[in-house]
PDB file of N, CA and C in Angstrom:
ATOM      1  N   MET A   1     -23.348 115.467  29.059  1.00  0.00           N
ATOM      2  CA  MET A   1     -24.704 115.061  28.756  1.00  0.00           C
ATOM      3  C   MET A   1     -24.951 115.127  27.220  1.00  0.00           C
ATOM      4  N   ARG A   2     -25.541 114.640  26.996  1.00  0.00           N
ATOM      5  CA  ARG A   2     -26.003 114.230  25.585  1.00  0.00           C
ATOM      6  C   ARG A   2     -27.727 115.256  25.522  1.00  0.00           C
ATOM      7  N   PRO A   3     -27.985 115.613  24.304  1.00  0.00           N
ATOM      8  CA  PRO A   3     -29.211 116.207  24.086  1.00  0.00           C
ATOM      9  C   PRO A   3     -30.203 115.232  24.023  1.00  0.00           C
ATOM     10  N   HIS A   4     -31.857 115.346  24.511  1.00  0.00           N
ATOM     11  CA  HIS A   4     -32.610 114.522  23.768  1.00  0.00           C
ATOM     12  C   HIS A   4     -32.632 114.226  22.715  1.00  0.00           C
ATOM     13  N   ARG A   5     -32.964 112.902  22.068  1.00  0.00           N
ATOM     14  CA  ARG A   5     -33.505 112.357  20.847  1.00  0.00           C
ATOM     15  C   ARG A   5     -34.900 111.515  20.793  1.00  0.00           C
ATOM     16  N   CYS A   6     -35.442 111.466  19.467  1.00  0.00           N
ATOM     17  CA  CYS A   6     -36.481 111.079  19.490  1.00  0.00           C
ATOM     18  C   CYS A   6     -35.822 109.632  19.659  1.00  0.00           C
ATOM     19  N   ALA A   7     -37.007 108.863  19.242  1.00  0.00           N
ATOM     20  CA  ALA A   7     -37.112 107.541  19.039  1.00  0.00           C
ATOM     21  C   ALA A   7     -36.192 106.669  18.229  1.00  0.00           C
ATOM     22  N   ARG A   8     -36.007 107.140  17.149  1.00  0.00           N
ATOM     23  CA  ARG A   8     -35.049 106.381  16.086  1.00  0.00           C
ATOM     24  C   ARG A   8     -33.999 107.628  15.816  1.00  0.00           C
ATOM     25  N   GLY A   9     -33.738 108.268  16.689  1.00  0.00           N
ATOM     26  CA  GLY A   9     -32.324 108.945  16.866  1.00  0.00           C
ATOM     27  C   GLY A   9     -32.661 110.632  15.661  1.00  0.00           C
ATOM     28  N   ALA A  10     -33.992 110.999  15.161  1.00  0.00           N
ATOM     29  CA  ALA A  10     -34.264 112.081  14.516  1.00  0.00           C
ATOM     30  C   ALA A  10     -34.337 112.680  15.195  1.00  0.00           C
ATOM     31  N   ASP A  11     -34.147 114.317  14.776  1.00  0.00           N
ATOM     32  CA  ASP A  11     -34.393 115.622  15.731  1.00  0.00           C
ATOM     33  C   ASP A  11     -35.597 115.637  15.623  1.00  0.00           C
ATOM     34  N   PRO A  12     -36.485 116.344  16.741  1.00  0.00           N
ATOM     35  CA  PRO A  12     -37.606 116.452  16.992  1.00  0.00           C
ATOM     36  C   PRO A  12     -37.891 117.798  15.771  1.00  0.00           C
ATOM     37  N   SER A  13     -39.353 117.742  15.314  1.00  0.00           N
ATOM     38  CA  SER A  13     -39.365 118.860  14.507  1.00  0.00           C
ATOM     39  C   SER A  13     -39.657 120.150  15.262  1.00  0.00           C
ATOM     40  N   PRO A  14     -39.614 121.265  14.533  1.00  0.00           N
ATOM     41  CA  PRO A  14     -39.322 122.798  15.311  1.00  0.00           C
ATOM     42  C   PRO A  14     -40.996 122.537  15.373  1.00  0.00           C
ATOM     43  N   PRO A  15     -41.234 123.531  16.365  1.00  0.00           N
ATOM     44  CA  PRO A  15     -42.757 123.715  16.515  1.00  0.00           C
ATOM     45  C   PRO A  15     -43.379 124.522  15.238  1.00  0.00           C
ATOM     46  N   ALA A  16     -44.613 124.009  14.611  1.00  0.00           N
ATOM     47  CA  ALA A  16     -44.840 124.682  13.415  1.00  0.00           C
ATOM     48  C   ALA A  16     -45.780 125.998  13.595  1.00  0.00           C
ATOM     49  N   ASP A  17     -45.766 126.926  12.830  1.00  0.00           N
ATOM     50  CA  ASP A  17     -46.420 128.507  13.291  1.00  0.00           C
ATOM     51  C   ASP A  17     -47.930 128.141  12.868  1.00  0.00           C
ATOM     52  N   TRP A  18     -48.639 128.927  13.475  1.00  0.00           N
ATOM     53  CA  TRP A  18     -50.046 128.854  13.852  1.00  0.00           C
ATOM     54  C   TRP A  18     -50.303 128.817  12.420  1.00  0.00           C
ATOM     55  N   TYR A  19     -50.159 129.665  11.715  1.00  0.00           N
ATOM     56  CA  TYR A  19     -50.738 130.284  10.017  1.00  0.00           C
ATOM     57  C   TYR A  19     -50.359 129.143   9.402  1.00  0.00           C
ATOM     58  N   ARG A  20     -49.593 128.069  10.018  1.00  0.00           N
ATOM     59  CA  ARG A  20     -49.397 126.919   8.960  1.00  0.00           C
ATOM     60  C   ARG A  20     -50.071 125.598   9.375  1.00  0.00           C
ATOM     61  N   GLN A  21     -51.405 125.634  10.402  1.00  0.00           N
ATOM     62  CA  GLN A  21     -52.158 125.052  10.970  1.00  0.00           C
ATOM     63  C   GLN A  21     -53.673 124.870  10.020  1.00  0.00           C
ATOM     64  N   PRO A  22     -54.031 123.892   9.240  1.00  0.00           N
ATOM     65  CA  PRO A  22     -55.430 124.024   8.723  1.00  0.00           C
ATOM     66  C   PRO A  22     -56.587 124.233   9.472  1.00  0.00           C
ATOM     67  N   VAL A  23     -56.385 123.458  10.747  1.00  0.00           N
ATOM     68  CA  VAL A  23     -57.495 123.853  11.828  1.00  0.00           C
ATOM     69  C   VAL A  23     -57.339 125.509  12.056  1.00  0.00           C
ATOM     70  N   VAL A  24     -56.762 126.038  12.707  1.00  0.00           N
ATOM     71  CA  VAL A  24     -56.997 127.425  12.668  1.00  0.00           C
ATOM     72  C   VAL A  24     -57.452 127.882  11.449  1.00  0.00           C
ATOM     73  N   TRP A  25     -57.177 127.689   9.972  1.00  0.00           N
ATOM     74  CA  TRP A  25     -57.606 128.529   9.211  1.00  0.00           C
ATOM     75  C   TRP A  25     -59.308 128.343   9.020  1.00  0.00           C
ATOM     76  N   LEU A  26     -59.393 127.052   9.403  1.00  0.00           N
ATOM     77  CA  LEU A  26     -60.924 126.427   9.551  1.00  0.00           C
ATOM     78  C   LEU A  26     -61.864 127.149  10.189  1.00  0.00           C
ATOM     79  N   ALA A  27     -61.258 127.169  11.594  1.00  0.00           N
ATOM     80  CA  ALA A  27     -62.037 128.001  12.887  1.00  0.00           C
ATOM     81  C   ALA A  27     -62.025 129.634  12.394  1.00  0.00           C
ATOM     82  N   ILE A  28     -61.181 129.969  11.698  1.00  0.00           N
ATOM     83  CA  ILE A  28     -61.090 131.558  11.296  1.00  0.00           C
ATOM     84  C   ILE A  28     -62.732 131.440  10.360  1.00  0.00           C
ATOM     85  N   ALA A  29     -62.371 130.884   9.300  1.00  0.00           N
ATOM     86  CA  ALA A  29     -63.621 130.618   8.352  1.00  0.00           C
ATOM     87  C   ALA A  29     -64.723 130.661   8.807  1.00  0.00           C
ATOM     88  N   VAL A  30     -65.257 129.855   9.585  1.00  0.00           N
ATOM     89  CA  VAL A  30     -66.311 129.375  10.184  1.00  0.00           C
ATOM     90  C   VAL A  30     -66.835 130.556  11.102  1.00  0.00           C
ATOM     91  N   PHE A  31     -65.890 131.156  11.718  1.00  0.00           N
ATOM     92  CA  PHE A  31     -66.259 132.404  12.994  1.00  0.00           C
ATOM     93  C   PHE A  31     -66.221 133.964  11.544  1.00  0.00           C
ATOM     94  N   ALA A  32     -65.779 133.970  10.356  1.00  0.00           N
ATOM     95  CA  ALA A  32     -66.254 134.652   9.966  1.00  0.00           C
ATOM     96  C   ALA A  32     -67.658 134.442   8.876  1.00  0.00           C
ATOM     97  N   LEU A  33     -67.807 133.366   8.761  1.00  0.00           N
ATOM     98  CA  LEU A  33     -69.115 133.047   8.185  1.00  0.00           C
ATOM     99  C   LEU A  33     -70.322 133.262   9.244  1.00  0.00           C
ATOM    100  N   LEU A  34     -69.759 132.864  10.328  1.00  0.00           N
ATOM    101  CA  LEU A  34     -71.141 132.929  11.488  1.00  0.00           C
ATOM    102  C   LEU A  34     -71.392 134.811  11.569  1.00  0.00           C
ATOM    103  N   ALA A  35     -70.150 135.162  11.895  1.00  0.00           N
ATOM    104  CA  ALA A  35     -70.321 137.026  11.958  1.00  0.00           C
ATOM    105  C   ALA A  35     -71.345 137.270  10.469  1.00  0.00           C
ATOM    106  N   ALA A  36     -70.316 137.101   9.133  1.00  0.00           N
ATOM    107  CA  ALA A  36     -71.367 137.695   8.015  1.00  0.00           C
ATOM    108  C   ALA A  36     -72.898 137.390   8.108  1.00  0.00           C
ATOM    109  N   GLY A  37     -73.237 136.065   8.796  1.00  0.00           N
ATOM    110  CA  GLY A  37     -74.670 135.579   8.419  1.00  0.00           C
ATOM    111  C   GLY A  37     -75.760 136.147   9.734  1.00  0.00           C
ATOM    112  N   SER A  38     -74.706 136.439  10.695  1.00  0.00           N
ATOM    113  CA  SER A  38     -75.501 137.287  11.828  1.00  0.00           C
ATOM    114  C   SER A  38     -76.009 138.765  11.261  1.00  0.00           C
ATOM    115  N   ILE A  39     -74.625 139.275  10.683  1.00  0.00           N
ATOM    116  CA  ILE A  39     -75.262 140.476  10.122  1.00  0.00           C
ATOM    117  C   ILE A  39     -75.969 140.636   9.509  1.00  0.00           C
ATOM    118  N   ALA A  40     -76.097 139.722   8.168  1.00  0.00           N
ATOM    119  CA  ALA A  40     -77.010 139.769   7.310  1.00  0.00           C
ATOM    120  C   ALA A  40     -78.168 139.720   8.120  1.00  0.00           C
ATOM    121  N   MET A  41     -78.650 138.404   8.626  1.00  0.00           N
ATOM    122  CA  MET A  41     -79.632 138.720   9.310  1.00  0.00           C
ATOM    123  C   MET A  41     -80.620 139.723  10.023  1.00  0.00           C
ATOM    124  N   LEU A  42     -78.998 140.637  10.758  1.00  0.00           N
ATOM    125  CA  LEU A  42     -79.863 141.827  11.293  1.00  0.00           C
ATOM    126  C   LEU A  42     -80.438 142.954  10.472  1.00  0.00           C
ATOM    127  N   VAL A  43     -79.923 142.824   9.259  1.00  0.00           N
ATOM    128  CA  VAL A  43     -79.838 144.149   8.332  1.00  0.00           C
ATOM    129  C   VAL A  43     -81.317 143.492   7.629  1.00  0.00           C
ATOM    130  N   LEU A  44     -81.628 142.540   7.397  1.00  0.00           N
ATOM    131  CA  LEU A  44     -82.815 141.643   6.401  1.00  0.00           C
ATOM    132  C   LEU A  44     -83.774 141.776   7.690  1.00  0.00           C
ATOM    133  N   GLY A  45     -83.544 141.679   8.921  1.00  0.00           N
ATOM    134  CA  GLY A  45     -84.630 141.979   9.848  1.00  0.00           C
ATOM    135  C   GLY A  45     -84.965 143.526  10.002  1.00  0.00           C
ATOM    136  N   ALA A  46     -84.108 144.197   9.680  1.00  0.00           N
ATOM    137  CA  ALA A  46     -84.371 145.744   9.928  1.00  0.00           C
ATOM    138  C   ALA A  46     -85.165 146.343   8.493  1.00  0.00           C
ATOM    139  N   ARG A  47     -84.956 145.451   7.515  1.00  0.00           N
ATOM    140  CA  ARG A  47     -85.694 145.999   6.087  1.00  0.00           C
ATOM    141  C   ARG A  47     -86.841 145.380   6.336  1.00  0.00           C
ATOM    142  N   HIS A  48     -87.291 144.284   6.059  1.00  0.00           N
ATOM    143  CA  HIS A  48     -88.661 143.660   6.272  1.00  0.00           C
ATOM    144  C   HIS A  48     -89.448 143.827   7.870  1.00  0.00           C
ATOM    145  N   THR A  49     -89.718 144.915   7.661  1.00  0.00           N
ATOM    146  CA  THR A  49     -90.324 144.737   9.639  1.00  0.00           C
ATOM    147  C   THR A  49     -92.102 143.846   8.837  1.00  0.00           C
ATOM    148  N   ASP A  50     -92.517 143.456  10.410  1.00  0.00           N
ATOM    149  CA  ASP A  50     -93.576 142.512  10.197  1.00  0.00           C
ATOM    150  C   ASP A  50     -94.778 143.470  10.325  1.00  0.00           C
ATOM    151  N   GLU A  51     -95.517 142.834   9.666  1.00  0.00           N
ATOM    152  CA  GLU A  51     -96.850 143.729   8.878  1.00  0.00           C
ATOM    153  C   GLU A  51     -97.811 143.232  10.548  1.00  0.00           C
ATOM    154  N   PRO A  52     -98.306 144.707  11.179  1.00  0.00           N
ATOM    155  CA  PRO A  52     -99.131 143.709  12.468  1.00  0.00           C
ATOM    156  C   PRO A  52    -100.183 142.970  11.967  1.00  0.00           C
ATOM    157  N   VAL A  53    -101.008 141.694  12.986  1.00  0.00           N
ATOM    158  CA  VAL A  53    -102.320 140.924  12.864  1.00  0.00           C
ATOM    159  C   VAL A  53    -103.166 141.709  13.220  1.00  0.00           C
ATOM    160  N   ALA A  54    -104.317 141.434  12.067  1.00  0.00           N
ATOM    161  CA  ALA A  54    -105.418 141.731  12.434  1.00  0.00           C
ATOM    162  C   ALA A  54    -105.925 141.098  13.565  1.00  0.00           C
ATOM    163  N   GLY A  55    -106.824 141.557  14.733  1.00  0.00           N
ATOM    164  CA  GLY A  55    -106.860 140.879  15.965  1.00  0.00           C
ATOM    165  C   GLY A  55    -107.904 141.488  16.842  1.00  0.00           C
ATOM    166  N   GLY A  56    -109.018 141.044  17.196  1.00  0.00           N
ATOM    167  CA  GLY A  56    -109.350 141.941  18.317  1.00  0.00           C
ATOM    168  C   GLY A  56    -108.683 142.396  19.115  1.00  0.00           C
ATOM    169  N   GLU A  57    -108.730 141.851  20.843  1.00  0.00           N
ATOM    170  CA  GLU A  57    -108.227 142.566  21.553  1.00  0.00           C
ATOM    171  C   GLU A  57    -106.579 142.114  21.679  1.00  0.00           C
ATOM    172  N   ALA A  58    -106.271 143.496  22.656  1.00  0.00           N
ATOM    173  CA  ALA A  58    -104.525 142.803  22.519  1.00  0.00           C
ATOM    174  C   ALA A  58    -104.279 141.833  23.410  1.00  0.00           C
ATOM    175  N   GLN A  59    -103.586 140.600  23.493  1.00  0.00           N
ATOM    176  CA  GLN A  59    -103.422 139.562  24.029  1.00  0.00           C
ATOM    177  C   GLN A  59    -102.157 139.436  24.160  1.00  0.00           C
ATOM    178  N   ILE A  60    -101.800 138.820  25.288  1.00  0.00           N
ATOM    179  CA  ILE A  60    -100.155 138.275  25.286  1.00  0.00           C
ATOM    180  C   ILE A  60    -100.161 136.648  25.773  1.00  0.00           C
ATOM    181  N   LEU A  61     -99.996 135.480  25.318  1.00  0.00           N
ATOM    182  CA  LEU A  61    -100.282 134.217  25.043  1.00  0.00           C
ATOM    183  C   LEU A  61    -101.469 133.951  25.660  1.00  0.00           C
ATOM    184  N   LYS A  62    -102.569 134.449  24.845  1.00  0.00           N
ATOM    185  CA  LYS A  62    -103.556 134.340  25.086  1.00  0.00           C
ATOM    186  C   LYS A  62    -104.674 134.687  26.083  1.00  0.00           C
ATOM    187  N   MET A  63    -103.643 135.806  26.818  1.00  0.00           N
ATOM    188  CA  MET A  63    -104.391 136.595  28.114  1.00  0.00           C
ATOM    189  C   MET A  63    -104.544 137.533  28.039  1.00  0.00           C
ATOM    190  N   PRO A  64    -105.717 137.916  27.589  1.00  0.00           N
ATOM    191  CA  PRO A  64    -106.051 139.829  27.576  1.00  0.00           C
ATOM    192  C   PRO A  64    -105.256 140.428  28.202  1.00  0.00           C
ATOM    193  N   LEU A  65    -105.191 141.817  28.043  1.00  0.00           N
ATOM    194  CA  LEU A  65    -104.065 142.654  28.852  1.00  0.00           C
ATOM    195  C   LEU A  65    -105.237 143.512  29.386  1.00  0.00           C
ATOM    196  N   SER A  66    -105.976 143.872  29.516  1.00  0.00           N
ATOM    197  CA  SER A  66    -107.105 144.286  30.281  1.00  0.00           C
ATOM    198  C   SER A  66    -108.359 143.572  31.127  1.00  0.00           C
ATOM    199  N   ARG A  67    -108.644 143.743  32.040  1.00  0.00           N
ATOM    200  CA  ARG A  67    -109.697 143.227  32.965  1.00  0.00           C
ATOM    201  C   ARG A  67    -110.759 143.449  32.082  1.00  0.00           C
ATOM    202  N   ALA A  68    -111.507 141.958  32.356  1.00  0.00           N
ATOM    203  CA  ALA A  68    -112.863 141.884  31.873  1.00  0.00           C
ATOM    204  C   ALA A  68    -113.841 142.739  32.805  1.00  0.00           C
ATOM    205  N   PRO A  69    -114.736 143.255  32.255  1.00  0.00           N
ATOM    206  CA  PRO A  69    -115.797 143.827  32.728  1.00  0.00           C
ATOM    207  C   PRO A  69    -116.207 143.401  34.145  1.00  0.00           C
ATOM    208  N   PRO A  70    -116.663 143.714  35.553  1.00  0.00           N
ATOM    209  CA  PRO A  70    -117.079 143.071  36.301  1.00  0.00           C
ATOM    210  C   PRO A  70    -118.775 142.939  35.766  1.00  0.00           C
ATOM    211  N   GLN A  71    -119.007 141.276  36.253  1.00  0.00           N
ATOM    212  CA  GLN A  71    -120.171 140.655  35.853  1.00  0.00           C
ATOM    213  C   GLN A  71    -121.426 141.150  37.115  1.00  0.00           C
ATOM    214  N   ASP A  72    -122.867 140.731  36.720  1.00  0.00           N
ATOM    215  CA  ASP A  72    -123.587 141.263  37.970  1.00  0.00           C
ATOM    216  C   ASP A  72    -123.636 139.864  38.682  1.00  0.00           C
ATOM    217  N   ALA A  73    -124.229 140.190  40.123  1.00  0.00           N
ATOM    218  CA  ALA A  73    -124.009 139.010  40.680  1.00  0.00           C
ATOM    219  C   ALA A  73    -125.331 138.079  40.612  1.00  0.00           C
ATOM    220  N   PRO A  74    -125.129 136.655  40.316  1.00  0.00           N
ATOM    221  CA  PRO A  74    -126.618 135.914  40.493  1.00  0.00           C
ATOM    222  C   PRO A  74    -127.415 136.085  41.469  1.00  0.00           C
ATOM    223  N   ARG A  75    -128.634 136.068  41.388  1.00  0.00           N
ATOM    224  CA  ARG A  75    -130.034 136.627  42.302  1.00  0.00           C
ATOM    225  C   ARG A  75    -130.351 135.297  42.697  1.00  0.00           C
TER     226      ARG A  75
END
């Protein structure tokens, strides 16, 4: 039985090692940049805290956190 050959009789190229693939290095670089950026944002957020906003009552989405005092019934 003869070994399998390519279309023009050339031997098939051996499988390339993973570290010789530029797409793998690109993926590693993108992942490293994303991780570094995330860590930088966490550090910057921890160093520069937000100052409280001067306002009246405590609200969440324009809704007061406490109940309004009861109004007198109309006569």
